[in-house]
């Protein structure tokens, strides 16, 4: 798997995992878990964008 594609896939995974943590934190009234989920979701978006940029320069 190329580097850009791998980054995009991992970024999407982190976004999904972050969203799950965020919802679980809200449901369990755990603000620390919700904040951790939000941070992971944002990191996933950044990683996905990096993957998109890498794909452009790989061609």
N, C-alpha and C. Protein backbone atom coordinates (compact mmCIF):
# COMPACT_ATOMS: atom_id res chain seq x y z
N UNK A 1 0.85 -1.17 0.00
CA UNK A 1 0.00 0.00 0.00
C UNK A 1 0.90 1.24 0.00
N UNK A 2 0.56 2.18 -0.85
CA UNK A 2 1.36 3.40 -0.94
C UNK A 2 1.18 4.24 0.32
N UNK A 3 2.15 5.06 0.58
CA UNK A 3 2.18 5.88 1.79
C UNK A 3 0.95 6.78 1.91
N UNK A 4 0.57 7.44 0.83
CA UNK A 4 -0.58 8.34 0.86
C UNK A 4 -1.88 7.62 1.16
N UNK A 5 -2.06 6.47 0.52
CA UNK A 5 -3.26 5.67 0.74
C UNK A 5 -3.30 5.15 2.17
N UNK A 6 -2.16 4.74 2.67
CA UNK A 6 -2.08 4.24 4.05
C UNK A 6 -2.44 5.34 5.03
N UNK A 7 -1.93 6.55 4.82
CA UNK A 7 -2.25 7.67 5.70
C UNK A 7 -3.74 8.00 5.66
N UNK A 8 -4.32 7.94 4.48
CA UNK A 8 -5.75 8.22 4.36
C UNK A 8 -6.56 7.17 5.12
N UNK A 9 -6.20 5.90 4.98
CA UNK A 9 -6.92 4.83 5.66
C UNK A 9 -6.79 4.95 7.18
N UNK A 10 -5.57 5.21 7.64
CA UNK A 10 -5.36 5.36 9.07
C UNK A 10 -6.08 6.60 9.61
N UNK A 11 -6.10 7.66 8.83
CA UNK A 11 -6.80 8.87 9.24
C UNK A 11 -8.28 8.63 9.40
N UNK A 12 -8.87 7.91 8.46
CA UNK A 12 -10.29 7.59 8.54
C UNK A 12 -10.56 6.72 9.76
N UNK A 13 -9.68 5.77 10.02
CA UNK A 13 -9.84 4.90 11.18
C UNK A 13 -9.80 5.71 12.48
N UNK A 14 -8.85 6.63 12.57
CA UNK A 14 -8.73 7.45 13.78
C UNK A 14 -9.94 8.37 13.95
N UNK A 15 -10.48 8.87 12.85
CA UNK A 15 -11.68 9.69 12.94
C UNK A 15 -12.84 8.88 13.50
N UNK A 16 -13.00 7.66 13.00
CA UNK A 16 -14.08 6.80 13.47
C UNK A 16 -13.89 6.44 14.94
N UNK A 17 -12.67 6.07 15.30
CA UNK A 17 -12.37 5.72 16.69
C UNK A 17 -12.59 6.91 17.61
N UNK A 18 -12.20 8.09 17.16
CA UNK A 18 -12.39 9.31 17.95
C UNK A 18 -13.86 9.61 18.13
N UNK A 19 -14.66 9.41 17.10
CA UNK A 19 -16.10 9.67 17.18
C UNK A 19 -16.75 8.72 18.19
N UNK A 20 -16.33 7.46 18.18
CA UNK A 20 -16.86 6.48 19.13
C UNK A 20 -16.50 6.88 20.56
N UNK A 21 -15.26 7.28 20.78
CA UNK A 21 -14.83 7.71 22.12
C UNK A 21 -15.60 8.95 22.56
N UNK A 22 -15.80 9.87 21.62
CA UNK A 22 -16.51 11.10 21.93
C UNK A 22 -17.95 10.79 22.38
N UNK A 23 -18.62 9.93 21.65
CA UNK A 23 -20.00 9.56 22.00
C UNK A 23 -20.03 8.79 23.31
N UNK A 24 -19.09 7.86 23.49
CA UNK A 24 -19.05 7.09 24.74
C UNK A 24 -18.80 8.00 25.93
N UNK A 25 -17.94 8.99 25.75
CA UNK A 25 -17.66 9.94 26.83
C UNK A 25 -18.88 10.77 27.19
N UNK A 26 -19.64 11.16 26.19
CA UNK A 26 -20.85 11.95 26.44
C UNK A 26 -21.92 11.09 27.11
N UNK A 27 -22.07 9.85 26.65
CA UNK A 27 -23.09 8.97 27.23
C UNK A 27 -22.76 8.58 28.67
N UNK A 28 -21.48 8.39 28.96
CA UNK A 28 -21.08 7.99 30.31
C UNK A 28 -20.75 9.19 31.20
N UNK A 29 -21.00 10.38 30.68
CA UNK A 29 -20.74 11.61 31.41
C UNK A 29 -19.28 11.69 31.85
N UNK A 30 -18.39 11.35 30.91
CA UNK A 30 -16.95 11.36 31.16
C UNK A 30 -16.32 12.39 30.21
N UNK A 31 -16.16 13.64 30.66
CA UNK A 31 -15.63 14.67 29.75
C UNK A 31 -14.21 14.40 29.27
N UNK A 32 -13.41 13.70 30.08
CA UNK A 32 -12.04 13.39 29.67
C UNK A 32 -12.05 12.48 28.44
N UNK A 33 -12.90 11.46 28.46
CA UNK A 33 -13.00 10.54 27.33
C UNK A 33 -13.56 11.25 26.09
N UNK A 34 -14.53 12.12 26.30
CA UNK A 34 -15.11 12.88 25.18
C UNK A 34 -14.05 13.79 24.56
N UNK A 35 -13.26 14.45 25.39
CA UNK A 35 -12.20 15.32 24.88
C UNK A 35 -11.12 14.52 24.15
N UNK A 36 -10.79 13.36 24.68
CA UNK A 36 -9.80 12.50 24.04
C UNK A 36 -10.31 12.08 22.66
N UNK A 37 -11.60 11.77 22.58
CA UNK A 37 -12.19 11.39 21.30
C UNK A 37 -12.16 12.53 20.30
N UNK A 38 -12.45 13.73 20.77
CA UNK A 38 -12.42 14.90 19.89
C UNK A 38 -11.01 15.13 19.35
N UNK A 39 -10.03 15.00 20.22
CA UNK A 39 -8.64 15.17 19.80
C UNK A 39 -8.22 14.12 18.78
N UNK A 40 -8.63 12.89 19.01
CA UNK A 40 -8.27 11.82 18.09
C UNK A 40 -8.96 12.01 16.74
N UNK A 41 -10.19 12.50 16.77
CA UNK A 41 -10.93 12.75 15.54
C UNK A 41 -10.23 13.82 14.71
N UNK A 42 -9.78 14.88 15.36
CA UNK A 42 -9.08 15.96 14.66
C UNK A 42 -7.75 15.45 14.10
N UNK A 43 -7.04 14.66 14.89
CA UNK A 43 -5.77 14.09 14.42
C UNK A 43 -6.00 13.20 13.20
N UNK A 44 -7.09 12.47 13.20
CA UNK A 44 -7.43 11.62 12.05
C UNK A 44 -7.69 12.45 10.80
N UNK A 45 -8.37 13.58 10.96
CA UNK A 45 -8.63 14.45 9.82
C UNK A 45 -7.32 14.99 9.24
N UNK A 46 -6.41 15.38 10.13
CA UNK A 46 -5.12 15.89 9.69
C UNK A 46 -4.35 14.80 8.95
N UNK A 47 -4.33 13.60 9.50
CA UNK A 47 -3.61 12.50 8.87
C UNK A 47 -4.21 12.16 7.50
N UNK A 48 -5.53 12.22 7.41
CA UNK A 48 -6.18 11.95 6.13
C UNK A 48 -5.79 12.99 5.08
N UNK A 49 -5.73 14.25 5.47
CA UNK A 49 -5.33 15.32 4.55
C UNK A 49 -3.87 15.15 4.12
N UNK A 50 -3.02 14.73 5.04
CA UNK A 50 -1.62 14.48 4.69
C UNK A 50 -1.54 13.37 3.64
N UNK A 51 -2.36 12.34 3.81
CA UNK A 51 -2.40 11.26 2.84
C UNK A 51 -2.85 11.74 1.47
N UNK A 52 -3.82 12.65 1.44
CA UNK A 52 -4.28 13.19 0.17
C UNK A 52 -3.17 14.00 -0.51
N UNK A 53 -2.44 14.76 0.27
CA UNK A 53 -1.34 15.55 -0.28
C UNK A 53 -0.24 14.63 -0.82
N UNK A 54 0.08 13.58 -0.07
CA UNK A 54 1.11 12.64 -0.52
C UNK A 54 0.70 11.99 -1.83
N UNK A 55 -0.59 11.64 -1.97
CA UNK A 55 -1.05 11.01 -3.21
C UNK A 55 -0.86 11.93 -4.40
N UNK A 56 -1.05 13.22 -4.20
CA UNK A 56 -0.87 14.18 -5.30
C UNK A 56 0.59 14.20 -5.74
N UNK A 57 1.52 14.18 -4.79
CA UNK A 57 2.94 14.27 -5.12
C UNK A 57 3.55 12.93 -5.53
N UNK A 58 2.85 11.82 -5.31
CA UNK A 58 3.36 10.52 -5.72
C UNK A 58 3.27 10.31 -7.22
N UNK A 59 2.38 11.03 -7.86
CA UNK A 59 2.15 10.82 -9.31
C UNK A 59 3.24 11.41 -10.15
